[in-house]
Amino acid sequence: MKKLALLVAAIITASPVQAVEIGDIYYSNKSFNAKLIEGLQPIGIVWQVNDSKDGGLIIALDQPGSKNWERAQTYCRQYLTRGTKAGEWFLPDFLQMFPIDKMPNRRINHRTFLHLNDRLALIKGARALKEDVYMTASDYFNDHASALGINMTSGELVKVKKKGRHSFRCMMSF
């Protein structure tokens, strides 16, 4: 009986599991919250959420300068923040960039773009997403000299030359 009472007390006092949402702030201690929490170090913004809402992808707070495809890949592999190490961040492929939370038509839309930038604006030192085409790690169909790019405000897929300089953003899984 005593064990049962302890079990019931543990269940009642356990804090409920919080579901992660697109735009939540992700912290170096691997926690996330919709609000900026003093004393915790933000390292990213939740970009995509899995179906069980307990994991997904975050985008880095840093907006690096434009780079070619190879240098962007290297930059992201070497990128690190407090609580992470080199190799955890990556240049996302087009499926990681494109279907933000399986939105209607699987497109980024202007409303989501503005929401993410509003969230980034809360964090000192974070850089807004550009109204630009972002390069992905994915080849443009059978053209290995080009990569798939995504217009961040319309969701349109475009062809970008890998040797050209393009905007990009590093991502990490959580």
N, C-alpha and C. Protein backbone atom coordinates (compact mmCIF):
# COMPACT_ATOMS: atom_id res chain seq x y z
N MET A 1 0.83 -1.19 0.00
CA MET A 1 0.00 0.00 0.00
C MET A 1 0.87 1.25 0.00
N LYS A 2 1.94 1.22 0.79
CA LYS A 2 2.84 2.37 0.89
C LYS A 2 3.50 2.65 -0.46
N LYS A 3 3.89 1.56 -1.18
CA LYS A 3 4.51 1.71 -2.51
C LYS A 3 3.53 2.33 -3.49
N LEU A 4 2.28 1.91 -3.42
CA LEU A 4 1.25 2.44 -4.30
C LEU A 4 1.04 3.93 -4.04
N ALA A 5 1.02 4.32 -2.78
CA ALA A 5 0.85 5.73 -2.42
C ALA A 5 2.02 6.56 -2.93
N LEU A 6 3.24 6.03 -2.83
CA LEU A 6 4.42 6.74 -3.34
C LEU A 6 4.36 6.89 -4.86
N LEU A 7 3.91 5.83 -5.54
CA LEU A 7 3.78 5.87 -6.99
C LEU A 7 2.75 6.91 -7.43
N VAL A 8 1.62 6.93 -6.77
CA VAL A 8 0.57 7.92 -7.09
C VAL A 8 1.08 9.33 -6.83
N ALA A 9 1.78 9.54 -5.74
CA ALA A 9 2.33 10.86 -5.42
C ALA A 9 3.34 11.29 -6.48
N ALA A 10 4.16 10.36 -6.93
CA ALA A 10 5.16 10.67 -7.95
C ALA A 10 4.49 11.06 -9.26
N ILE A 11 3.43 10.36 -9.62
CA ILE A 11 2.71 10.67 -10.87
C ILE A 11 2.04 12.04 -10.77
N ILE A 12 1.43 12.32 -9.65
CA ILE A 12 0.72 13.60 -9.48
C ILE A 12 1.68 14.78 -9.50
N THR A 13 2.84 14.63 -8.86
CA THR A 13 3.78 15.75 -8.77
C THR A 13 4.71 15.87 -9.96
N ALA A 14 4.73 14.86 -10.82
CA ALA A 14 5.61 14.93 -12.00
C ALA A 14 5.12 16.06 -12.91
N SER A 15 6.07 16.81 -13.43
CA SER A 15 5.68 17.90 -14.32
C SER A 15 5.28 17.33 -15.67
N PRO A 16 4.25 17.89 -16.28
CA PRO A 16 3.81 17.37 -17.57
C PRO A 16 4.88 17.61 -18.64
N VAL A 17 4.94 16.70 -19.59
CA VAL A 17 5.89 16.83 -20.69
C VAL A 17 5.39 17.94 -21.62
N GLN A 18 6.26 18.87 -21.90
CA GLN A 18 5.90 19.99 -22.75
C GLN A 18 6.12 19.62 -24.20
N ALA A 19 5.18 19.93 -25.06
CA ALA A 19 5.31 19.69 -26.48
C ALA A 19 6.07 20.86 -27.11
N VAL A 20 7.01 20.55 -27.96
CA VAL A 20 7.79 21.58 -28.63
C VAL A 20 6.99 22.11 -29.82
N GLU A 21 7.14 23.40 -30.09
CA GLU A 21 6.43 24.05 -31.19
C GLU A 21 7.42 24.80 -32.07
N ILE A 22 7.09 24.98 -33.32
CA ILE A 22 7.91 25.78 -34.22
C ILE A 22 8.02 27.19 -33.64
N GLY A 23 9.24 27.69 -33.59
CA GLY A 23 9.48 29.02 -33.05
C GLY A 23 9.92 29.02 -31.59
N ASP A 24 9.83 27.86 -30.91
CA ASP A 24 10.32 27.79 -29.54
C ASP A 24 11.82 28.08 -29.51
N ILE A 25 12.27 28.62 -28.43
CA ILE A 25 13.70 28.91 -28.24
C ILE A 25 14.34 27.64 -27.69
N TYR A 26 15.44 27.22 -28.31
CA TYR A 26 16.17 26.03 -27.88
C TYR A 26 17.42 26.48 -27.15
N TYR A 27 17.65 25.89 -25.97
CA TYR A 27 18.74 26.32 -25.09
C TYR A 27 19.89 25.32 -25.08
N SER A 28 21.05 25.80 -24.62
CA SER A 28 22.26 24.97 -24.59
C SER A 28 22.13 23.77 -23.68
N ASN A 29 21.21 23.79 -22.72
CA ASN A 29 21.00 22.64 -21.83
C ASN A 29 20.00 21.64 -22.42
N LYS A 30 19.68 21.82 -23.71
CA LYS A 30 18.78 20.95 -24.47
C LYS A 30 17.31 21.08 -24.07
N SER A 31 16.97 22.18 -23.42
CA SER A 31 15.57 22.46 -23.11
C SER A 31 15.05 23.46 -24.14
N PHE A 32 13.76 23.66 -24.15
CA PHE A 32 13.15 24.62 -25.06
C PHE A 32 11.97 25.26 -24.37
N ASN A 33 11.62 26.46 -24.83
CA ASN A 33 10.50 27.16 -24.24
C ASN A 33 10.03 28.22 -25.22
N ALA A 34 8.77 28.57 -25.16
CA ALA A 34 8.25 29.63 -26.02
C ALA A 34 8.76 31.00 -25.57
N LYS A 35 9.20 31.08 -24.31
CA LYS A 35 9.66 32.36 -23.77
C LYS A 35 11.17 32.36 -23.60
N LEU A 36 11.74 33.55 -23.61
CA LEU A 36 13.16 33.73 -23.32
C LEU A 36 13.33 33.59 -21.81
N ILE A 37 14.20 32.67 -21.39
CA ILE A 37 14.39 32.41 -19.96
C ILE A 37 15.74 32.96 -19.53
N GLU A 38 15.69 33.90 -18.59
CA GLU A 38 16.93 34.50 -18.07
C GLU A 38 17.79 33.43 -17.41
N GLY A 39 19.08 33.50 -17.66
CA GLY A 39 20.01 32.55 -17.07
C GLY A 39 20.30 31.34 -17.95
N LEU A 40 19.50 31.12 -19.00
CA LEU A 40 19.76 30.04 -19.94
C LEU A 40 20.31 30.62 -21.23
N GLN A 41 21.16 29.87 -21.91
CA GLN A 41 21.81 30.33 -23.14
C GLN A 41 21.06 29.80 -24.37
N PRO A 42 20.35 30.68 -25.09
CA PRO A 42 19.69 30.24 -26.33
C PRO A 42 20.74 29.89 -27.39
N ILE A 43 20.50 28.82 -28.14
CA ILE A 43 21.41 28.47 -29.24
C ILE A 43 20.70 28.29 -30.57
N GLY A 44 19.37 28.27 -30.56
CA GLY A 44 18.64 28.11 -31.81
C GLY A 44 17.16 28.32 -31.64
N ILE A 45 16.47 28.25 -32.78
CA ILE A 45 15.01 28.36 -32.81
C ILE A 45 14.48 27.08 -33.46
N VAL A 46 13.42 26.52 -32.89
CA VAL A 46 12.84 25.30 -33.44
C VAL A 46 12.28 25.61 -34.82
N TRP A 47 12.72 24.84 -35.79
CA TRP A 47 12.39 25.02 -37.20
C TRP A 47 11.35 24.01 -37.66
N GLN A 48 11.49 22.77 -37.20
CA GLN A 48 10.63 21.69 -37.64
C GLN A 48 10.40 20.77 -36.44
N VAL A 49 9.21 20.20 -36.34
CA VAL A 49 8.84 19.37 -35.20
C VAL A 49 8.37 18.01 -35.71
N ASN A 50 8.79 16.93 -35.02
CA ASN A 50 8.32 15.60 -35.42
C ASN A 50 6.86 15.40 -34.97
N ASP A 51 6.27 14.31 -35.41
CA ASP A 51 4.85 14.07 -35.12
C ASP A 51 4.55 13.94 -33.63
N SER A 52 5.49 13.42 -32.84
CA SER A 52 5.24 13.28 -31.41
C SER A 52 5.57 14.56 -30.63
N LYS A 53 6.04 15.58 -31.33
CA LYS A 53 6.33 16.90 -30.76
C LYS A 53 7.34 16.85 -29.61
N ASP A 54 8.31 15.93 -29.73
CA ASP A 54 9.36 15.86 -28.73
C ASP A 54 10.76 15.97 -29.34
N GLY A 55 10.82 16.29 -30.60
CA GLY A 55 12.10 16.43 -31.29
C GLY A 55 11.89 17.11 -32.63
N GLY A 56 12.99 17.37 -33.29
CA GLY A 56 12.89 18.01 -34.60
C GLY A 56 14.21 18.64 -34.99
N LEU A 57 14.13 19.80 -35.61
CA LEU A 57 15.30 20.52 -36.08
C LEU A 57 15.27 21.95 -35.55
N ILE A 58 16.46 22.47 -35.27
CA ILE A 58 16.58 23.88 -34.91
C ILE A 58 17.49 24.56 -35.92
N ILE A 59 17.26 25.86 -36.12
CA ILE A 59 18.18 26.66 -36.92
C ILE A 59 19.06 27.45 -35.97
N ALA A 60 20.29 27.65 -36.41
CA ALA A 60 21.25 28.42 -35.61
C ALA A 60 20.80 29.87 -35.53
N LEU A 61 21.22 30.54 -34.48
CA LEU A 61 20.93 31.97 -34.32
C LEU A 61 21.79 32.82 -35.25
N ASP A 62 22.91 32.27 -35.66
CA ASP A 62 23.87 32.96 -36.51
C ASP A 62 23.45 32.92 -37.97
N GLN A 63 23.54 34.05 -38.65
CA GLN A 63 23.32 34.11 -40.10
C GLN A 63 24.66 34.43 -40.75
N PRO A 64 25.38 33.38 -41.19
CA PRO A 64 26.70 33.63 -41.78
C PRO A 64 26.57 34.37 -43.11
N GLY A 65 27.68 34.93 -43.55
CA GLY A 65 27.70 35.55 -44.86
C GLY A 65 27.53 34.51 -45.95
N SER A 66 27.19 34.96 -47.14
CA SER A 66 27.00 34.05 -48.27
C SER A 66 28.28 33.30 -48.58
N LYS A 67 28.12 32.02 -48.93
CA LYS A 67 29.26 31.17 -49.26
C LYS A 67 28.87 30.24 -50.40
N ASN A 68 29.88 29.64 -51.04
CA ASN A 68 29.56 28.62 -52.03
C ASN A 68 29.15 27.34 -51.30
N TRP A 69 28.68 26.37 -52.05
CA TRP A 69 28.11 25.16 -51.49
C TRP A 69 29.11 24.41 -50.62
N GLU A 70 30.32 24.22 -51.12
CA GLU A 70 31.34 23.48 -50.37
C GLU A 70 31.72 24.18 -49.07
N ARG A 71 31.89 25.49 -49.14
CA ARG A 71 32.26 26.25 -47.93
C ARG A 71 31.11 26.30 -46.92
N ALA A 72 29.88 26.34 -47.41
CA ALA A 72 28.73 26.31 -46.50
C ALA A 72 28.65 24.97 -45.77
N GLN A 73 28.91 23.88 -46.49
CA GLN A 73 28.92 22.55 -45.87
C GLN A 73 29.98 22.51 -44.76
N THR A 74 31.19 22.99 -45.09
CA THR A 74 32.30 22.98 -44.12
C THR A 74 31.98 23.87 -42.93
N TYR A 75 31.45 25.06 -43.19
CA TYR A 75 31.10 26.00 -42.12
C TYR A 75 30.15 25.32 -41.13
N CYS A 76 29.10 24.69 -41.64
CA CYS A 76 28.12 24.07 -40.75
C CYS A 76 28.69 22.87 -40.00
N ARG A 77 29.53 22.07 -40.64
CA ARG A 77 30.15 20.93 -39.95
C ARG A 77 31.05 21.40 -38.81
N GLN A 78 31.68 22.56 -38.97
CA GLN A 78 32.60 23.07 -37.95
C GLN A 78 31.93 24.00 -36.95
N TYR A 79 30.69 24.38 -37.21
CA TYR A 79 29.95 25.31 -36.35
C TYR A 79 29.73 24.66 -34.98
N LEU A 80 29.86 25.44 -33.94
CA LEU A 80 29.54 24.96 -32.61
C LEU A 80 29.05 26.11 -31.75
N THR A 81 28.30 25.76 -30.75
CA THR A 81 27.77 26.73 -29.79
C THR A 81 27.94 26.13 -28.40
N ARG A 82 27.62 26.91 -27.40
CA ARG A 82 27.65 26.38 -26.04
C ARG A 82 26.69 25.19 -25.98
N GLY A 83 27.15 24.09 -25.44
CA GLY A 83 26.30 22.91 -25.32
C GLY A 83 26.32 22.01 -26.55
N THR A 84 27.04 22.41 -27.60
CA THR A 84 27.15 21.56 -28.79
C THR A 84 28.63 21.45 -29.17
N LYS A 85 28.88 20.59 -30.12
CA LYS A 85 30.25 20.46 -30.59
C LYS A 85 30.24 20.39 -32.11
N ALA A 86 31.42 20.61 -32.70
CA ALA A 86 31.56 20.53 -34.15
C ALA A 86 31.05 19.17 -34.62
N GLY A 87 30.33 19.16 -35.71
CA GLY A 87 29.79 17.93 -36.26
C GLY A 87 28.32 17.72 -35.94
N GLU A 88 27.79 18.42 -34.96
CA GLU A 88 26.36 18.28 -34.64
C GLU A 88 25.49 19.16 -35.55
N TRP A 89 26.07 20.23 -36.04
CA TRP A 89 25.35 21.14 -36.95
C TRP A 89 25.63 20.71 -38.38
N PHE A 90 24.72 21.02 -39.30
CA PHE A 90 24.88 20.62 -40.69
C PHE A 90 24.14 21.59 -41.61
N LEU A 91 24.53 21.57 -42.89
CA LEU A 91 23.78 22.29 -43.92
C LEU A 91 22.58 21.41 -44.26
N PRO A 92 21.37 21.88 -44.07
CA PRO A 92 20.20 21.02 -44.26
C PRO A 92 19.96 20.67 -45.73
N ASP A 93 19.39 19.47 -45.93
CA ASP A 93 18.97 19.12 -47.29
C ASP A 93 17.60 19.78 -47.53
N PHE A 94 17.09 19.65 -48.73
CA PHE A 94 15.88 20.40 -49.06
C PHE A 94 14.67 19.91 -48.26
N LEU A 95 14.62 18.62 -47.92
CA LEU A 95 13.49 18.13 -47.12
C LEU A 95 13.52 18.68 -45.70
N GLN A 96 14.72 18.94 -45.18
CA GLN A 96 14.82 19.54 -43.85
C GLN A 96 14.46 21.02 -43.88
N MET A 97 14.74 21.68 -44.98
CA MET A 97 14.40 23.10 -45.12
C MET A 97 12.95 23.32 -45.51
N PHE A 98 12.43 22.45 -46.34
CA PHE A 98 11.17 22.72 -47.02
C PHE A 98 9.90 22.48 -46.21
N PRO A 99 9.67 21.28 -45.66
CA PRO A 99 8.35 21.07 -45.05
C PRO A 99 8.30 21.47 -43.59
N ILE A 100 8.34 22.76 -43.32
CA ILE A 100 8.25 23.20 -41.93
C ILE A 100 6.95 22.66 -41.35
N ASP A 101 7.11 21.76 -40.39
CA ASP A 101 5.98 21.15 -39.67
C ASP A 101 4.88 20.66 -40.60
N LYS A 102 5.26 20.15 -41.77
CA LYS A 102 4.29 19.57 -42.71
C LYS A 102 3.14 20.55 -42.99
N MET A 103 3.51 21.77 -43.30
CA MET A 103 2.52 22.80 -43.57
C MET A 103 1.70 22.48 -44.82
N PRO A 104 0.55 23.11 -44.97
CA PRO A 104 -0.23 22.90 -46.19
C PRO A 104 0.65 23.17 -47.41
N ASN A 105 0.54 22.34 -48.39
CA ASN A 105 1.32 22.41 -49.63
C ASN A 105 2.82 22.24 -49.39
N ARG A 106 3.21 21.84 -48.17
CA ARG A 106 4.62 21.63 -47.82
C ARG A 106 5.48 22.84 -48.21
N ARG A 107 4.96 24.02 -47.99
CA ARG A 107 5.69 25.24 -48.35
C ARG A 107 5.90 26.13 -47.15
N ILE A 108 7.05 26.75 -47.17
CA ILE A 108 7.29 27.82 -46.22
C ILE A 108 6.36 28.93 -46.66
N ASN A 109 5.77 29.63 -45.73
CA ASN A 109 4.95 30.76 -46.15
C ASN A 109 5.40 32.01 -45.43
N HIS A 110 4.94 33.14 -45.90
CA HIS A 110 5.38 34.42 -45.37
C HIS A 110 5.05 34.56 -43.88
N ARG A 111 3.92 34.02 -43.47
CA ARG A 111 3.51 34.11 -42.06
C ARG A 111 4.52 33.39 -41.17
N THR A 112 4.94 32.19 -41.57
CA THR A 112 5.92 31.44 -40.79
C THR A 112 7.27 32.14 -40.79
N PHE A 113 7.67 32.67 -41.93
CA PHE A 113 8.92 33.42 -42.04
C PHE A 113 8.93 34.58 -41.04
N LEU A 114 7.84 35.34 -40.99
CA LEU A 114 7.74 36.46 -40.05
C LEU A 114 7.72 35.97 -38.60
N HIS A 115 7.03 34.86 -38.33
CA HIS A 115 6.97 34.30 -36.97
C HIS A 115 8.38 33.93 -36.50
N LEU A 116 9.14 33.25 -37.34
CA LEU A 116 10.50 32.85 -36.95
C LEU A 116 11.38 34.08 -36.73
N ASN A 117 11.25 35.09 -37.57
CA ASN A 117 12.04 36.31 -37.37
C ASN A 117 11.61 37.05 -36.11
N ASP A 118 10.33 37.03 -35.77
CA ASP A 118 9.88 37.63 -34.50
C ASP A 118 10.52 36.92 -33.32
N ARG A 119 10.62 35.59 -33.40
CA ARG A 119 11.22 34.80 -32.33
C ARG A 119 12.72 35.10 -32.24
N LEU A 120 13.39 35.18 -33.40
CA LEU A 120 14.83 35.48 -33.42
C LEU A 120 15.10 36.87 -32.83
N ALA A 121 14.17 37.81 -33.04
CA ALA A 121 14.35 39.18 -32.55
C ALA A 121 14.35 39.26 -31.02
N LEU A 122 13.82 38.25 -30.36
CA LEU A 122 13.80 38.23 -28.89
C LEU A 122 15.18 37.98 -28.29
N ILE A 123 16.07 37.40 -29.09
CA ILE A 123 17.35 36.91 -28.58
C ILE A 123 18.47 37.85 -28.97
N LYS A 124 19.15 38.39 -27.97
CA LYS A 124 20.27 39.29 -28.23
C LYS A 124 21.35 38.57 -29.05
N GLY A 125 21.76 39.18 -30.14
CA GLY A 125 22.80 38.62 -30.99
C GLY A 125 22.30 37.70 -32.09
N ALA A 126 21.03 37.29 -32.03
CA ALA A 126 20.48 36.43 -33.09
C ALA A 126 20.25 37.27 -34.34
N ARG A 127 20.40 36.65 -35.49
CA ARG A 127 20.23 37.34 -36.77
C ARG A 127 18.98 36.82 -37.47
N ALA A 128 18.23 37.75 -38.03
CA ALA A 128 17.00 37.41 -38.74
C ALA A 128 17.30 36.61 -40.01
N LEU A 129 16.31 35.81 -40.41
CA LEU A 129 16.38 35.16 -41.70
C LEU A 129 16.28 36.22 -42.79
N LYS A 130 16.99 36.04 -43.86
CA LYS A 130 16.96 36.99 -44.97
C LYS A 130 15.80 36.67 -45.91
N GLU A 131 15.27 37.72 -46.52
CA GLU A 131 14.29 37.51 -47.59
C GLU A 131 15.12 37.19 -48.83
N ASP A 132 15.48 35.92 -48.96
CA ASP A 132 16.45 35.51 -49.96
C ASP A 132 16.24 34.03 -50.28
N VAL A 133 16.97 33.56 -51.25
CA VAL A 133 17.00 32.13 -51.55
C VAL A 133 18.09 31.51 -50.70
N TYR A 134 17.74 30.45 -49.98
CA TYR A 134 18.70 29.73 -49.13
C TYR A 134 19.09 28.43 -49.83
N MET A 135 20.38 28.21 -49.87
CA MET A 135 20.93 27.02 -50.48
C MET A 135 20.76 25.82 -49.53
N THR A 136 20.52 24.64 -50.11
CA THR A 136 20.44 23.41 -49.33
C THR A 136 21.60 22.49 -49.70
N ALA A 137 21.74 21.41 -48.98
CA ALA A 137 22.78 20.42 -49.26
C ALA A 137 22.40 19.49 -50.40
N SER A 138 21.17 19.61 -50.91
CA SER A 138 20.66 18.69 -51.94
C SER A 138 21.06 19.14 -53.34
N ASP A 139 21.46 18.14 -54.15
CA ASP A 139 21.72 18.41 -55.56
C ASP A 139 20.42 18.78 -56.25
N TYR A 140 20.52 19.60 -57.29
CA TYR A 140 19.36 19.96 -58.09
C TYR A 140 19.11 18.82 -59.08
N PHE A 141 18.25 17.92 -58.73
CA PHE A 141 17.91 16.74 -59.52
C PHE A 141 19.17 16.07 -60.04
N ASN A 142 19.39 15.96 -61.33
CA ASN A 142 20.56 15.27 -61.88
C ASN A 142 21.71 16.20 -62.19
N ASP A 143 21.63 17.45 -61.78
CA ASP A 143 22.67 18.44 -62.07
C ASP A 143 23.56 18.59 -60.83
N HIS A 144 24.69 17.90 -60.81
CA HIS A 144 25.57 17.90 -59.64
C HIS A 144 26.35 19.21 -59.49
N ALA A 145 26.27 20.11 -60.48
CA ALA A 145 26.92 21.42 -60.38
C ALA A 145 25.98 22.44 -59.73
N SER A 146 24.73 22.03 -59.49
CA SER A 146 23.74 22.93 -58.90
C SER A 146 23.10 22.27 -57.68
N ALA A 147 22.59 23.12 -56.80
CA ALA A 147 21.89 22.66 -55.60
C ALA A 147 20.47 23.20 -55.62
N LEU A 148 19.60 22.57 -54.84
CA LEU A 148 18.25 23.10 -54.65
C LEU A 148 18.33 24.26 -53.68
N GLY A 149 17.68 25.34 -54.02
CA GLY A 149 17.54 26.48 -53.13
C GLY A 149 16.07 26.69 -52.83
N ILE A 150 15.79 27.37 -51.75
CA ILE A 150 14.40 27.64 -51.36
C ILE A 150 14.25 29.11 -51.06
N ASN A 151 13.29 29.74 -51.73
CA ASN A 151 12.96 31.13 -51.45
C ASN A 151 12.27 31.14 -50.10
N MET A 152 12.87 31.83 -49.14
CA MET A 152 12.38 31.78 -47.77
C MET A 152 11.03 32.45 -47.54
N THR A 153 10.62 33.33 -48.42
CA THR A 153 9.33 33.99 -48.19
C THR A 153 8.20 33.36 -49.00
N SER A 154 8.51 32.69 -50.11
CA SER A 154 7.46 32.10 -50.92
C SER A 154 7.44 30.58 -50.88
N GLY A 155 8.56 29.95 -50.49
CA GLY A 155 8.64 28.50 -50.49
C GLY A 155 8.98 27.92 -51.85
N GLU A 156 9.20 28.77 -52.83
CA GLU A 156 9.51 28.30 -54.18
C GLU A 156 10.88 27.61 -54.21
N LEU A 157 10.94 26.47 -54.90
CA LEU A 157 12.21 25.76 -55.11
C LEU A 157 12.91 26.37 -56.32
N VAL A 158 14.21 26.61 -56.18
CA VAL A 158 14.97 27.20 -57.29
C VAL A 158 16.30 26.48 -57.44
N LYS A 159 16.89 26.63 -58.60
CA LYS A 159 18.20 26.06 -58.91
C LYS A 159 19.26 27.10 -58.62
N VAL A 160 20.30 26.72 -57.84
CA VAL A 160 21.41 27.62 -57.56
C VAL A 160 22.71 26.91 -57.92
N LYS A 161 23.64 27.64 -58.46
CA LYS A 161 24.94 27.07 -58.81
C LYS A 161 25.75 26.86 -57.53
N LYS A 162 26.35 25.69 -57.38
CA LYS A 162 27.12 25.39 -56.18
C LYS A 162 28.35 26.28 -56.04
N LYS A 163 28.90 26.74 -57.16
CA LYS A 163 30.09 27.59 -57.10
C LYS A 163 29.75 29.04 -56.79
N GLY A 164 28.47 29.40 -56.88
CA GLY A 164 28.04 30.75 -56.55
C GLY A 164 27.94 30.93 -55.05
N ARG A 165 27.82 32.18 -54.62
CA ARG A 165 27.68 32.49 -53.19
C ARG A 165 26.20 32.69 -52.88
N HIS A 166 25.74 31.95 -51.86
CA HIS A 166 24.32 31.98 -51.51
C HIS A 166 24.14 32.01 -50.00
N SER A 167 22.98 32.48 -49.59
CA SER A 167 22.63 32.45 -48.17
C SER A 167 22.38 31.00 -47.74
N PHE A 168 22.60 30.73 -46.47
CA PHE A 168 22.33 29.41 -45.90
C PHE A 168 22.20 29.57 -44.40
N ARG A 169 21.69 28.54 -43.75
CA ARG A 169 21.58 28.55 -42.29
C ARG A 169 21.88 27.15 -41.80
N CYS A 170 22.70 27.02 -40.78
CA CYS A 170 23.03 25.71 -40.20
C CYS A 170 21.87 25.22 -39.35
N MET A 171 21.70 23.89 -39.31
CA MET A 171 20.66 23.25 -38.52
C MET A 171 21.27 22.15 -37.65
N MET A 172 20.51 21.77 -36.65
CA MET A 172 20.89 20.68 -35.75
C MET A 172 19.63 19.91 -35.38
N SER A 173 19.73 18.60 -35.25
CA SER A 173 18.62 17.77 -34.78
C SER A 173 18.59 17.78 -33.25
N PHE A 174 17.40 17.65 -32.70
CA PHE A 174 17.29 17.51 -31.24
C PHE A 174 16.26 16.45 -30.91
